[in-house]
Amino acid sequence: MQTVNRAFQALGFNVGIPYYVFTKDIGKYTMLVVEGERLRGYRTASGKLVRGSSELKYTFYKARYQKHMNQKQTRYDVYCRQASIQEVLSRVDGFLRRQKERQHHGI
C-alpha cells in the first residue's frame, strides 16, 4: 500500500509537511494545495458521531497569487473540504486529468 506522501508525489506534488501539506505549481501564479487536519470526533459515512477518536481529513483547493501584491493570495477555489484521503486523491486525479485534456485540445 502506498503512503499518502508517495501518492501525492506520484501525482507531481511536493510534500510540505508529511501527511499534512502538499503543493503543486500548475502555473506561474497558481498552485494546487492539499491540507490535512486532525479532527477529534468525526461522523462516519452513515452520519454516526464517533467521539474520543480522531481522523485526518483533507481540504483540496487551487490558490492564485498576484505578482503585484508581493505574491499575496488573491483568490482560491475549494474543490473539497474535510474529505477522506481517498476522496481527495480521486478529486485531485480527476482535476489533473481534465487539465491535461484541456491542454491537449488547446482549450
C-alpha atoms as a PDB file:
ATOM      1  CA  MET A   1       0.000   0.000   0.000  1.00  0.00           C
ATOM      2  CA  GLN A   2       1.245   3.441  -0.975  1.00  0.00           C
ATOM      3  CA  THR A   3       1.685   6.083   1.725  1.00  0.00           C
ATOM      4  CA  VAL A   4      -0.136   9.391   1.442  1.00  0.00           C
ATOM      5  CA  ASN A   5       3.166  11.164   0.810  1.00  0.00           C
ATOM      6  CA  ARG A   6       4.108   8.830  -2.050  1.00  0.00           C
ATOM      7  CA  ALA A   7       0.629   9.005  -3.568  1.00  0.00           C
ATOM      8  CA  PHE A   8       0.861  12.795  -3.830  1.00  0.00           C
ATOM      9  CA  GLN A   9       4.458  12.652  -5.076  1.00  0.00           C
ATOM     10  CA  ALA A  10       3.302  10.286  -7.832  1.00  0.00           C
ATOM     11  CA  LEU A  11       0.816  12.998  -8.882  1.00  0.00           C
ATOM     12  CA  GLY A  12       3.620  15.585  -9.047  1.00  0.00           C
ATOM     13  CA  PHE A  13       3.052  17.267  -5.685  1.00  0.00           C
ATOM     14  CA  ASN A  14       5.751  18.468  -3.299  1.00  0.00           C
ATOM     15  CA  VAL A  15       5.451  17.322   0.306  1.00  0.00           C
ATOM     16  CA  GLY A  16       5.475  20.379   2.582  1.00  0.00           C
ATOM     17  CA  ILE A  17       4.667  18.791   5.943  1.00  0.00           C
ATOM     18  CA  PRO A  18       4.491  14.993   5.653  1.00  0.00           C
ATOM     19  CA  TYR A  19       0.901  13.702   5.780  1.00  0.00           C
ATOM     20  CA  TYR A  20      -0.449  17.262   6.186  1.00  0.00           C
ATOM     21  CA  VAL A  21       0.554  19.683   3.392  1.00  0.00           C
ATOM     22  CA  PHE A  22       1.058  19.018  -0.327  1.00  0.00           C
ATOM     23  CA  THR A  23       1.513  21.600  -3.110  1.00  0.00           C
ATOM     24  CA  LYS A  24       1.829  21.546  -6.895  1.00  0.00           C
ATOM     25  CA  ASP A  25       2.558  24.543  -9.100  1.00  0.00           C
ATOM     26  CA  ILE A  26       0.283  24.498 -12.163  1.00  0.00           C
ATOM     27  CA  GLY A  27       1.037  27.977 -13.453  1.00  0.00           C
ATOM     28  CA  LYS A  28       3.270  30.944 -12.859  1.00  0.00           C
ATOM     29  CA  TYR A  29       0.931  32.289 -10.159  1.00  0.00           C
ATOM     30  CA  THR A  30      -1.300  29.265  -9.480  1.00  0.00           C
ATOM     31  CA  MET A  31      -0.884  26.194  -7.310  1.00  0.00           C
ATOM     32  CA  LEU A  32      -2.897  23.261  -6.074  1.00  0.00           C
ATOM     33  CA  VAL A  33      -2.874  22.748  -2.318  1.00  0.00           C
ATOM     34  CA  VAL A  34      -3.988  19.853  -0.142  1.00  0.00           C
ATOM     35  CA  GLU A  35      -4.055  20.479   3.599  1.00  0.00           C
ATOM     36  CA  GLY A  36      -4.761  17.865   6.241  1.00  0.00           C
ATOM     37  CA  GLU A  37      -6.178  18.431   9.707  1.00  0.00           C
ATOM     38  CA  ARG A  38      -6.775  16.061  12.564  1.00  0.00           C
ATOM     39  CA  LEU A  39     -10.410  16.158  13.635  1.00  0.00           C
ATOM     40  CA  ARG A  40     -11.377  14.980  17.110  1.00  0.00           C
ATOM     41  CA  GLY A  41     -14.641  13.165  16.959  1.00  0.00           C
ATOM     42  CA  TYR A  42     -15.995  12.726  13.457  1.00  0.00           C
ATOM     43  CA  ARG A  43     -19.030  11.445  11.580  1.00  0.00           C
ATOM     44  CA  THR A  44     -18.978   8.159   9.720  1.00  0.00           C
ATOM     45  CA  ALA A  45     -20.414   7.826   6.209  1.00  0.00           C
ATOM     46  CA  SER A  46     -23.725   6.814   7.793  1.00  0.00           C
ATOM     47  CA  GLY A  47     -23.743  10.014   9.876  1.00  0.00           C
ATOM     48  CA  LYS A  48     -22.943   8.415  13.249  1.00  0.00           C
ATOM     49  CA  LEU A  49     -20.803  10.645  15.506  1.00  0.00           C
ATOM     50  CA  VAL A  50     -17.688   8.900  16.801  1.00  0.00           C
ATOM     51  CA  ARG A  51     -16.349  10.623  19.927  1.00  0.00           C
ATOM     52  CA  GLY A  52     -12.976  10.139  21.589  1.00  0.00           C
ATOM     53  CA  SER A  53     -11.310   9.280  18.331  1.00  0.00           C
ATOM     54  CA  SER A  54      -9.573  11.337  15.689  1.00  0.00           C
ATOM     55  CA  GLU A  55      -9.211  11.176  11.956  1.00  0.00           C
ATOM     56  CA  LEU A  56      -7.213  13.057   9.343  1.00  0.00           C
ATOM     57  CA  LYS A  57      -9.430  14.947   6.895  1.00  0.00           C
ATOM     58  CA  TYR A  58      -8.187  16.905   3.913  1.00  0.00           C
ATOM     59  CA  THR A  59      -9.121  20.069   2.034  1.00  0.00           C
ATOM     60  CA  PHE A  60      -8.181  20.442  -1.647  1.00  0.00           C
ATOM     61  CA  TYR A  61      -8.069  23.863  -3.283  1.00  0.00           C
ATOM     62  CA  LYS A  62      -6.479  25.925  -6.044  1.00  0.00           C
ATOM     63  CA  ALA A  63      -4.767  29.148  -4.939  1.00  0.00           C
ATOM     64  CA  ARG A  64      -3.915  32.103  -7.160  1.00  0.00           C
ATOM     65  CA  TYR A  65      -1.324  34.704  -6.283  1.00  0.00           C
ATOM     66  CA  GLN A  66      -0.828  38.144  -7.759  1.00  0.00           C
ATOM     67  CA  LYS A  67       2.631  39.296  -8.774  1.00  0.00           C
ATOM     68  CA  HIS A  68       1.939  42.944  -7.981  1.00  0.00           C
ATOM     69  CA  MET A  69       0.774  42.212  -4.433  1.00  0.00           C
ATOM     70  CA  ASN A  70       4.007  40.615  -3.131  1.00  0.00           C
ATOM     71  CA  GLN A  71       2.763  37.138  -4.024  1.00  0.00           C
ATOM     72  CA  LYS A  72      -0.288  37.604  -1.782  1.00  0.00           C
ATOM     73  CA  GLN A  73      -3.034  35.047  -2.277  1.00  0.00           C
ATOM     74  CA  THR A  74      -5.816  36.808  -4.160  1.00  0.00           C
ATOM     75  CA  ARG A  75      -8.257  34.002  -4.889  1.00  0.00           C
ATOM     76  CA  TYR A  76      -8.858  30.373  -4.141  1.00  0.00           C
ATOM     77  CA  ASP A  77     -11.321  27.725  -5.317  1.00  0.00           C
ATOM     78  CA  VAL A  78     -12.144  24.914  -2.890  1.00  0.00           C
ATOM     79  CA  TYR A  79     -12.832  21.562  -4.561  1.00  0.00           C
ATOM     80  CA  CYS A  80     -13.491  19.544  -1.402  1.00  0.00           C
ATOM     81  CA  ARG A  81     -13.366  20.225   2.312  1.00  0.00           C
ATOM     82  CA  GLN A  82     -12.758  17.856   5.248  1.00  0.00           C
ATOM     83  CA  ALA A  83     -12.805  14.803   3.000  1.00  0.00           C
ATOM     84  CA  SER A  84     -11.161  11.402   3.320  1.00  0.00           C
ATOM     85  CA  ILE A  85      -7.797  10.882   1.680  1.00  0.00           C
ATOM     86  CA  GLN A  86      -9.379   8.516  -0.871  1.00  0.00           C
ATOM     87  CA  GLU A  87     -11.887  11.168  -1.942  1.00  0.00           C
ATOM     88  CA  VAL A  88      -9.229  13.886  -2.159  1.00  0.00           C
ATOM     89  CA  LEU A  89      -6.867  11.718  -4.207  1.00  0.00           C
ATOM     90  CA  SER A  90      -9.733  10.916  -6.565  1.00  0.00           C
ATOM     91  CA  ARG A  91     -10.635  14.611  -6.945  1.00  0.00           C
ATOM     92  CA  VAL A  92      -7.001  15.633  -7.467  1.00  0.00           C
ATOM     93  CA  ASP A  93      -6.515  12.905 -10.082  1.00  0.00           C
ATOM     94  CA  GLY A  94      -9.706  13.995 -11.873  1.00  0.00           C
ATOM     95  CA  PHE A  95      -8.633  17.647 -11.802  1.00  0.00           C
ATOM     96  CA  LEU A  96      -5.221  16.828 -13.272  1.00  0.00           C
ATOM     97  CA  ARG A  97      -6.773  14.617 -15.984  1.00  0.00           C
ATOM     98  CA  ARG A  98      -9.180  17.396 -17.021  1.00  0.00           C
ATOM     99  CA  GLN A  99      -6.336  19.913 -17.040  1.00  0.00           C
ATOM    100  CA  LYS A 100      -4.256  17.627 -19.252  1.00  0.00           C
ATOM    101  CA  GLU A 101      -7.205  17.113 -21.660  1.00  0.00           C
ATOM    102  CA  ARG A 102      -7.729  20.879 -21.921  1.00  0.00           C
ATOM    103  CA  GLN A 103      -4.066  21.421 -22.721  1.00  0.00           C
ATOM    104  CA  HIS A 104      -4.170  18.632 -25.292  1.00  0.00           C
ATOM    105  CA  HIS A 105      -7.221  20.161 -27.007  1.00  0.00           C
ATOM    106  CA  GLY A 106      -5.915  23.717 -26.708  1.00  0.00           C
ATOM    107  CA  ILE A 107      -8.784  24.949 -24.525  1.00  0.00           C
END
